[in-house]
Amino acid sequence: MRRIACVSLVALLVVVFCGAKRVATPQLIYSLSDDAKQQIQTALPGSRLMLMEVTAYCPCVKCCGRGAHGVTASGARITQNGGQFVAADTSVLPFGTKLVIPGYGSGPVEVLDRGGAIKGNRLDVFFPTHEQAKAFGRRWVEILVTPND
């Protein structure tokens, strides 16, 4: 009896602690249609697709900290490209890489920033307000990496 109680207690603790650290599941995957992929890859030879976890941020203190002054890690102002750019792990996608991200922007957007939590296949898309960033949320997106010119 005592052993069963200990096992049950351990199972309960695992559920409680693991559940407390669980991160919310990202929204559904946004993807280009097969026809669109084919057309883009024909028009842009050398382009490639990547599945990435995409979150959003804005220039507020909560997102960027107190030291933010409207300049990205690449040195570009946040108003460049109409304020449409992304933060990426620059060992995966270097500054200047252009991406097509379904659901964000009106065309290719450039990697102009990086962040401490942005590692591997993760992106942070920039929005001018915290409300817009929260509305975008967190999602898995199949992005298109365009070839460098």
N, C-alpha and C. Protein backbone atom coordinates (compact mmCIF):
# COMPACT_ATOMS: atom_id res chain seq x y z
N MET A 1 0.83 -1.20 0.00
CA MET A 1 0.00 0.00 0.00
C MET A 1 0.86 1.26 0.00
N ARG A 2 1.88 1.24 0.82
CA ARG A 2 2.75 2.40 0.93
C ARG A 2 3.47 2.66 -0.40
N ARG A 3 3.93 1.58 -1.06
CA ARG A 3 4.63 1.72 -2.35
C ARG A 3 3.69 2.31 -3.41
N ILE A 4 2.45 1.86 -3.45
CA ILE A 4 1.48 2.38 -4.42
C ILE A 4 1.24 3.87 -4.16
N ALA A 5 1.16 4.26 -2.90
CA ALA A 5 0.96 5.67 -2.57
C ALA A 5 2.14 6.52 -3.03
N CYS A 6 3.36 6.00 -2.86
CA CYS A 6 4.55 6.74 -3.30
C CYS A 6 4.57 6.88 -4.82
N VAL A 7 4.25 5.81 -5.53
CA VAL A 7 4.23 5.85 -6.98
C VAL A 7 3.17 6.84 -7.46
N SER A 8 2.00 6.81 -6.81
CA SER A 8 0.94 7.75 -7.19
C SER A 8 1.34 9.18 -6.92
N LEU A 9 2.03 9.41 -5.81
CA LEU A 9 2.48 10.76 -5.47
C LEU A 9 3.50 11.25 -6.50
N VAL A 10 4.44 10.37 -6.88
CA VAL A 10 5.44 10.74 -7.89
C VAL A 10 4.75 11.05 -9.22
N ALA A 11 3.79 10.24 -9.62
CA ALA A 11 3.06 10.48 -10.86
C ALA A 11 2.33 11.81 -10.81
N LEU A 12 1.73 12.12 -9.68
CA LEU A 12 1.03 13.39 -9.51
C LEU A 12 2.00 14.56 -9.61
N LEU A 13 3.16 14.45 -8.97
CA LEU A 13 4.15 15.52 -9.02
C LEU A 13 4.66 15.72 -10.45
N VAL A 14 4.89 14.65 -11.18
CA VAL A 14 5.34 14.75 -12.57
C VAL A 14 4.30 15.49 -13.40
N VAL A 15 3.03 15.14 -13.23
CA VAL A 15 1.96 15.80 -13.97
C VAL A 15 1.88 17.27 -13.60
N VAL A 16 1.96 17.58 -12.30
CA VAL A 16 1.85 18.96 -11.85
C VAL A 16 3.02 19.79 -12.35
N PHE A 17 4.26 19.31 -12.14
CA PHE A 17 5.42 20.10 -12.54
C PHE A 17 5.57 20.19 -14.05
N CYS A 18 5.37 19.10 -14.75
CA CYS A 18 5.47 19.15 -16.21
C CYS A 18 4.37 20.03 -16.80
N GLY A 19 3.17 19.92 -16.24
CA GLY A 19 2.07 20.74 -16.73
C GLY A 19 2.30 22.22 -16.48
N ALA A 20 2.97 22.55 -15.37
CA ALA A 20 3.21 23.95 -15.06
C ALA A 20 4.20 24.58 -16.03
N LYS A 21 5.10 23.79 -16.58
CA LYS A 21 6.11 24.32 -17.48
C LYS A 21 5.71 24.22 -18.94
N ARG A 22 4.61 23.59 -19.20
CA ARG A 22 4.19 23.39 -20.59
C ARG A 22 3.87 24.73 -21.24
N VAL A 23 4.34 24.90 -22.45
CA VAL A 23 4.12 26.13 -23.20
C VAL A 23 2.89 25.93 -24.07
N ALA A 24 2.13 26.99 -24.24
CA ALA A 24 0.92 26.91 -25.07
C ALA A 24 1.27 26.41 -26.47
N THR A 25 0.43 25.57 -27.01
CA THR A 25 0.64 25.04 -28.35
C THR A 25 0.43 26.14 -29.38
N PRO A 26 1.38 26.26 -30.33
CA PRO A 26 1.21 27.29 -31.36
C PRO A 26 -0.04 27.03 -32.19
N GLN A 27 -0.52 28.09 -32.84
CA GLN A 27 -1.69 27.98 -33.70
C GLN A 27 -1.37 27.08 -34.88
N LEU A 28 -2.36 26.81 -35.67
CA LEU A 28 -2.20 25.92 -36.80
C LEU A 28 -1.14 26.38 -37.79
N ILE A 29 -0.70 25.47 -38.60
CA ILE A 29 0.35 25.74 -39.56
C ILE A 29 -0.18 26.55 -40.73
N TYR A 30 0.55 27.60 -41.06
CA TYR A 30 0.24 28.40 -42.24
C TYR A 30 1.19 27.95 -43.33
N SER A 31 0.65 27.63 -44.47
CA SER A 31 1.47 27.07 -45.53
C SER A 31 1.04 27.62 -46.88
N LEU A 32 1.98 27.64 -47.80
CA LEU A 32 1.67 28.01 -49.18
C LEU A 32 1.02 26.82 -49.86
N SER A 33 0.15 27.07 -50.81
CA SER A 33 -0.45 25.96 -51.57
C SER A 33 0.64 25.30 -52.42
N ASP A 34 0.40 24.06 -52.82
CA ASP A 34 1.37 23.36 -53.66
C ASP A 34 1.61 24.09 -54.97
N ASP A 35 0.54 24.66 -55.56
CA ASP A 35 0.69 25.43 -56.79
C ASP A 35 1.57 26.66 -56.58
N ALA A 36 1.34 27.37 -55.47
CA ALA A 36 2.12 28.57 -55.17
C ALA A 36 3.59 28.21 -54.96
N LYS A 37 3.85 27.10 -54.25
CA LYS A 37 5.23 26.66 -54.03
C LYS A 37 5.92 26.39 -55.37
N GLN A 38 5.22 25.69 -56.24
CA GLN A 38 5.79 25.34 -57.54
C GLN A 38 6.09 26.59 -58.36
N GLN A 39 5.14 27.52 -58.38
CA GLN A 39 5.33 28.76 -59.14
C GLN A 39 6.50 29.57 -58.60
N ILE A 40 6.60 29.67 -57.27
CA ILE A 40 7.67 30.45 -56.66
C ILE A 40 9.02 29.79 -56.92
N GLN A 41 9.08 28.48 -56.74
CA GLN A 41 10.36 27.80 -56.93
C GLN A 41 10.78 27.80 -58.40
N THR A 42 9.83 27.87 -59.33
CA THR A 42 10.16 28.00 -60.74
C THR A 42 10.66 29.41 -61.02
N ALA A 43 9.99 30.41 -60.46
CA ALA A 43 10.37 31.81 -60.68
C ALA A 43 11.64 32.18 -59.93
N LEU A 44 11.88 31.54 -58.79
CA LEU A 44 13.05 31.84 -57.97
C LEU A 44 13.88 30.58 -57.74
N PRO A 45 14.61 30.13 -58.75
CA PRO A 45 15.43 28.94 -58.54
C PRO A 45 16.41 29.17 -57.39
N GLY A 46 16.59 28.18 -56.59
CA GLY A 46 17.47 28.31 -55.43
C GLY A 46 16.73 28.67 -54.16
N SER A 47 15.43 28.95 -54.27
CA SER A 47 14.65 29.23 -53.06
C SER A 47 14.41 27.90 -52.34
N ARG A 48 14.13 28.01 -51.03
CA ARG A 48 13.87 26.79 -50.25
C ARG A 48 12.79 27.08 -49.22
N LEU A 49 12.11 26.01 -48.81
CA LEU A 49 11.06 26.12 -47.81
C LEU A 49 11.59 25.65 -46.46
N MET A 50 11.12 26.31 -45.39
CA MET A 50 11.48 25.92 -44.03
C MET A 50 10.23 26.02 -43.15
N LEU A 51 10.03 25.04 -42.29
CA LEU A 51 8.96 25.11 -41.31
C LEU A 51 9.54 25.77 -40.06
N MET A 52 8.92 26.88 -39.65
CA MET A 52 9.45 27.64 -38.52
C MET A 52 8.35 28.01 -37.53
N GLU A 53 8.74 28.11 -36.29
CA GLU A 53 7.84 28.61 -35.25
C GLU A 53 7.98 30.13 -35.26
N VAL A 54 6.86 30.82 -35.47
CA VAL A 54 6.90 32.27 -35.63
C VAL A 54 6.09 32.92 -34.51
N THR A 55 6.74 33.87 -33.84
CA THR A 55 6.09 34.68 -32.81
C THR A 55 6.18 36.14 -33.28
N ALA A 56 5.61 37.04 -32.51
CA ALA A 56 5.60 38.45 -32.90
C ALA A 56 6.10 39.31 -31.75
N TYR A 57 6.63 40.48 -32.12
CA TYR A 57 7.07 41.44 -31.11
C TYR A 57 6.86 42.86 -31.62
N CYS A 58 7.00 43.81 -30.70
CA CYS A 58 6.83 45.22 -31.04
C CYS A 58 7.93 46.01 -30.32
N PRO A 59 8.01 47.32 -30.51
CA PRO A 59 9.09 48.08 -29.88
C PRO A 59 8.86 48.45 -28.42
N CYS A 60 7.84 47.90 -27.78
CA CYS A 60 7.55 48.29 -26.39
C CYS A 60 8.59 47.72 -25.42
N VAL A 61 8.58 48.23 -24.20
CA VAL A 61 9.50 47.81 -23.15
C VAL A 61 9.30 46.33 -22.82
N LYS A 62 8.06 45.88 -22.84
CA LYS A 62 7.77 44.48 -22.51
C LYS A 62 8.41 43.52 -23.53
N CYS A 63 8.39 43.89 -24.81
CA CYS A 63 8.94 43.03 -25.85
C CYS A 63 10.45 43.20 -26.02
N CYS A 64 10.93 44.44 -25.94
CA CYS A 64 12.33 44.73 -26.29
C CYS A 64 13.20 45.19 -25.12
N GLY A 65 12.60 45.45 -23.98
CA GLY A 65 13.39 45.92 -22.85
C GLY A 65 13.56 47.42 -22.85
N ARG A 66 14.16 47.92 -21.78
CA ARG A 66 14.30 49.38 -21.62
C ARG A 66 15.36 49.98 -22.54
N GLY A 67 16.30 49.17 -23.02
CA GLY A 67 17.38 49.71 -23.83
C GLY A 67 17.05 49.87 -25.30
N ALA A 68 15.83 49.54 -25.71
CA ALA A 68 15.47 49.63 -27.12
C ALA A 68 15.30 51.09 -27.54
N HIS A 69 15.89 51.42 -28.70
CA HIS A 69 15.83 52.81 -29.17
C HIS A 69 15.42 52.90 -30.63
N GLY A 70 14.69 51.89 -31.13
CA GLY A 70 14.20 51.95 -32.51
C GLY A 70 15.21 51.54 -33.56
N VAL A 71 16.28 50.85 -33.12
CA VAL A 71 17.31 50.38 -34.05
C VAL A 71 17.46 48.87 -33.85
N THR A 72 17.50 48.13 -34.96
CA THR A 72 17.63 46.67 -34.89
C THR A 72 19.09 46.27 -34.67
N ALA A 73 19.31 45.00 -34.41
CA ALA A 73 20.67 44.48 -34.20
C ALA A 73 21.55 44.65 -35.43
N SER A 74 20.95 44.73 -36.61
CA SER A 74 21.72 44.92 -37.85
C SER A 74 22.07 46.39 -38.07
N GLY A 75 21.51 47.29 -37.24
CA GLY A 75 21.76 48.72 -37.39
C GLY A 75 20.66 49.45 -38.15
N ALA A 76 19.69 48.72 -38.68
CA ALA A 76 18.58 49.34 -39.42
C ALA A 76 17.55 49.92 -38.44
N ARG A 77 16.92 51.00 -38.85
CA ARG A 77 15.84 51.59 -38.04
C ARG A 77 14.60 50.71 -38.18
N ILE A 78 13.74 50.71 -37.18
CA ILE A 78 12.54 49.87 -37.22
C ILE A 78 11.52 50.33 -38.25
N THR A 79 11.74 51.49 -38.83
CA THR A 79 10.84 52.00 -39.87
C THR A 79 11.24 51.50 -41.27
N GLN A 80 12.40 50.85 -41.38
CA GLN A 80 12.85 50.35 -42.69
C GLN A 80 11.84 49.33 -43.23
N ASN A 81 11.65 49.34 -44.53
CA ASN A 81 10.71 48.45 -45.23
C ASN A 81 9.30 48.61 -44.66
N GLY A 82 8.93 49.82 -44.30
CA GLY A 82 7.60 50.06 -43.77
C GLY A 82 7.36 49.40 -42.42
N GLY A 83 8.45 49.12 -41.69
CA GLY A 83 8.31 48.46 -40.39
C GLY A 83 8.04 46.97 -40.49
N GLN A 84 8.27 46.39 -41.65
CA GLN A 84 8.07 44.95 -41.83
C GLN A 84 9.42 44.27 -41.97
N PHE A 85 9.80 43.51 -40.92
CA PHE A 85 11.06 42.78 -40.91
C PHE A 85 10.96 41.68 -39.86
N VAL A 86 11.97 40.84 -39.79
CA VAL A 86 11.95 39.75 -38.82
C VAL A 86 13.26 39.68 -38.04
N ALA A 87 13.16 39.05 -36.89
CA ALA A 87 14.33 38.69 -36.10
C ALA A 87 14.51 37.18 -36.26
N ALA A 88 15.76 36.76 -36.46
CA ALA A 88 16.06 35.34 -36.66
C ALA A 88 17.37 34.99 -35.98
N ASP A 89 17.62 33.71 -35.86
CA ASP A 89 18.91 33.21 -35.43
C ASP A 89 19.83 33.42 -36.63
N THR A 90 20.78 34.34 -36.52
CA THR A 90 21.59 34.69 -37.69
C THR A 90 22.58 33.61 -38.08
N SER A 91 22.70 32.56 -37.29
CA SER A 91 23.52 31.42 -37.74
C SER A 91 22.70 30.53 -38.68
N VAL A 92 21.37 30.68 -38.66
CA VAL A 92 20.48 29.94 -39.55
C VAL A 92 20.09 30.81 -40.75
N LEU A 93 19.68 32.04 -40.48
CA LEU A 93 19.27 33.00 -41.51
C LEU A 93 20.01 34.31 -41.24
N PRO A 94 21.09 34.58 -41.96
CA PRO A 94 21.88 35.79 -41.70
C PRO A 94 21.11 37.08 -42.01
N PHE A 95 21.61 38.20 -41.45
CA PHE A 95 21.04 39.50 -41.76
C PHE A 95 20.97 39.66 -43.27
N GLY A 96 19.88 40.26 -43.74
CA GLY A 96 19.72 40.50 -45.16
C GLY A 96 18.98 39.40 -45.91
N THR A 97 18.82 38.22 -45.28
CA THR A 97 18.07 37.15 -45.93
C THR A 97 16.64 37.60 -46.12
N LYS A 98 16.07 37.33 -47.29
CA LYS A 98 14.68 37.72 -47.56
C LYS A 98 13.79 36.50 -47.50
N LEU A 99 12.64 36.68 -46.82
CA LEU A 99 11.70 35.59 -46.57
C LEU A 99 10.31 35.98 -47.02
N VAL A 100 9.56 34.99 -47.50
CA VAL A 100 8.13 35.16 -47.74
C VAL A 100 7.44 34.39 -46.63
N ILE A 101 6.64 35.11 -45.83
CA ILE A 101 5.99 34.52 -44.66
C ILE A 101 4.48 34.66 -44.84
N PRO A 102 3.79 33.55 -45.14
CA PRO A 102 2.33 33.64 -45.27
C PRO A 102 1.70 34.23 -44.00
N GLY A 103 0.83 35.23 -44.20
CA GLY A 103 0.17 35.87 -43.07
C GLY A 103 0.90 37.07 -42.51
N TYR A 104 2.07 37.41 -43.10
CA TYR A 104 2.82 38.57 -42.62
C TYR A 104 3.43 39.32 -43.81
N GLY A 105 3.19 40.60 -43.85
CA GLY A 105 3.78 41.43 -44.89
C GLY A 105 3.10 41.28 -46.24
N SER A 106 3.50 42.16 -47.13
CA SER A 106 2.90 42.16 -48.47
C SER A 106 3.86 41.62 -49.51
N GLY A 107 4.97 41.09 -49.08
CA GLY A 107 5.97 40.54 -49.99
C GLY A 107 7.14 40.04 -49.18
N PRO A 108 8.29 39.87 -49.81
CA PRO A 108 9.45 39.40 -49.04
C PRO A 108 9.83 40.40 -47.95
N VAL A 109 10.18 39.87 -46.79
CA VAL A 109 10.64 40.69 -45.67
C VAL A 109 12.05 40.24 -45.32
N GLU A 110 12.81 41.18 -44.79
CA GLU A 110 14.23 40.95 -44.56
C GLU A 110 14.52 40.63 -43.09
N VAL A 111 15.53 39.79 -42.87
CA VAL A 111 16.03 39.54 -41.52
C VAL A 111 16.90 40.74 -41.15
N LEU A 112 16.42 41.53 -40.19
CA LEU A 112 17.15 42.73 -39.76
C LEU A 112 17.46 42.72 -38.27
N ASP A 113 16.98 41.71 -37.54
CA ASP A 113 17.13 41.72 -36.09
C ASP A 113 17.41 40.30 -35.60
N ARG A 114 17.81 40.19 -34.37
CA ARG A 114 17.98 38.90 -33.71
C ARG A 114 17.57 39.08 -32.26
N GLY A 115 17.28 37.99 -31.58
CA GLY A 115 16.86 38.08 -30.19
C GLY A 115 17.42 36.91 -29.38
N GLY A 116 17.51 37.11 -28.09
CA GLY A 116 18.07 36.08 -27.22
C GLY A 116 17.29 34.78 -27.24
N ALA A 117 15.97 34.85 -27.41
CA ALA A 117 15.14 33.64 -27.39
C ALA A 117 14.92 33.07 -28.79
N ILE A 118 15.46 33.73 -29.80
CA ILE A 118 15.25 33.30 -31.18
C ILE A 118 16.43 32.41 -31.58
N LYS A 119 16.24 31.11 -31.43
CA LYS A 119 17.29 30.13 -31.73
C LYS A 119 16.75 29.08 -32.68
N GLY A 120 17.59 28.65 -33.61
CA GLY A 120 17.21 27.58 -34.53
C GLY A 120 16.11 28.02 -35.48
N ASN A 121 15.11 27.17 -35.66
CA ASN A 121 14.02 27.43 -36.61
C ASN A 121 12.90 28.24 -35.96
N ARG A 122 13.26 29.41 -35.47
CA ARG A 122 12.29 30.33 -34.88
C ARG A 122 12.47 31.70 -35.50
N LEU A 123 11.37 32.41 -35.66
CA LEU A 123 11.37 33.78 -36.16
C LEU A 123 10.52 34.63 -35.25
N ASP A 124 10.82 35.90 -35.21
CA ASP A 124 9.99 36.90 -34.53
C ASP A 124 9.65 37.95 -35.59
N VAL A 125 8.37 38.14 -35.87
CA VAL A 125 7.96 39.16 -36.85
C VAL A 125 7.63 40.45 -36.11
N PHE A 126 7.99 41.56 -36.70
CA PHE A 126 7.84 42.86 -36.04
C PHE A 126 6.50 43.50 -36.39
N PHE A 127 5.85 44.06 -35.37
CA PHE A 127 4.63 44.85 -35.54
C PHE A 127 4.81 46.17 -34.80
N PRO A 128 4.16 47.24 -35.26
CA PRO A 128 4.33 48.53 -34.61
C PRO A 128 3.68 48.64 -33.23
N THR A 129 2.67 47.81 -32.94
CA THR A 129 2.01 47.91 -31.62
C THR A 129 1.96 46.54 -30.94
N HIS A 130 1.88 46.60 -29.62
CA HIS A 130 1.80 45.38 -28.81
C HIS A 130 0.50 44.61 -29.12
N GLU A 131 -0.57 45.34 -29.35
CA GLU A 131 -1.86 44.71 -29.65
C GLU A 131 -1.77 43.90 -30.95
N GLN A 132 -1.11 44.46 -31.98
CA GLN A 132 -0.95 43.74 -33.24
C GLN A 132 -0.07 42.49 -33.06
N ALA A 133 0.98 42.64 -32.26
CA ALA A 133 1.87 41.50 -32.01
C ALA A 133 1.11 40.38 -31.28
N LYS A 134 0.32 40.75 -30.27
CA LYS A 134 -0.47 39.75 -29.54
C LYS A 134 -1.50 39.09 -30.44
N ALA A 135 -2.10 39.87 -31.33
CA ALA A 135 -3.11 39.31 -32.25
C ALA A 135 -2.49 38.30 -33.20
N PHE A 136 -1.25 38.53 -33.63
CA PHE A 136 -0.57 37.57 -34.50
C PHE A 136 -0.35 36.26 -33.75
N GLY A 137 0.04 36.38 -32.50
CA GLY A 137 0.22 35.20 -31.67
C GLY A 137 1.47 34.42 -31.99
N ARG A 138 1.33 33.12 -31.92
CA ARG A 138 2.43 32.19 -32.13
C ARG A 138 1.91 31.10 -33.03
N ARG A 139 2.63 30.78 -34.07
CA ARG A 139 2.15 29.78 -35.03
C ARG A 139 3.31 29.11 -35.75
N TRP A 140 3.03 27.98 -36.31
CA TRP A 140 3.99 27.28 -37.17
C TRP A 140 3.69 27.70 -38.60
N VAL A 141 4.72 28.13 -39.30
CA VAL A 141 4.54 28.66 -40.65
C VAL A 141 5.60 28.06 -41.57
N GLU A 142 5.16 27.67 -42.75
CA GLU A 142 6.11 27.23 -43.77
C GLU A 142 6.54 28.48 -44.54
N ILE A 143 7.78 28.86 -44.36
CA ILE A 143 8.27 30.09 -44.99
C ILE A 143 9.11 29.74 -46.22
N LEU A 144 9.24 30.72 -47.09
CA LEU A 144 10.07 30.57 -48.28
C LEU A 144 11.29 31.47 -48.11
N VAL A 145 12.47 30.87 -48.18
CA VAL A 145 13.71 31.62 -48.14
C VAL A 145 14.11 31.89 -49.58
N THR A 146 14.17 33.17 -49.95
CA THR A 146 14.50 33.52 -51.33
C THR A 146 16.02 33.49 -51.52
N PRO A 147 16.47 33.22 -52.73
CA PRO A 147 17.92 33.18 -52.97
C PRO A 147 18.51 34.59 -52.85
N ASN A 148 19.77 34.66 -52.43
CA ASN A 148 20.44 35.97 -52.34
C ASN A 148 20.74 36.46 -53.73
N ASP A 149 20.52 37.75 -53.94
CA ASP A 149 20.78 38.35 -55.26
C ASP A 149 22.24 38.54 -55.49
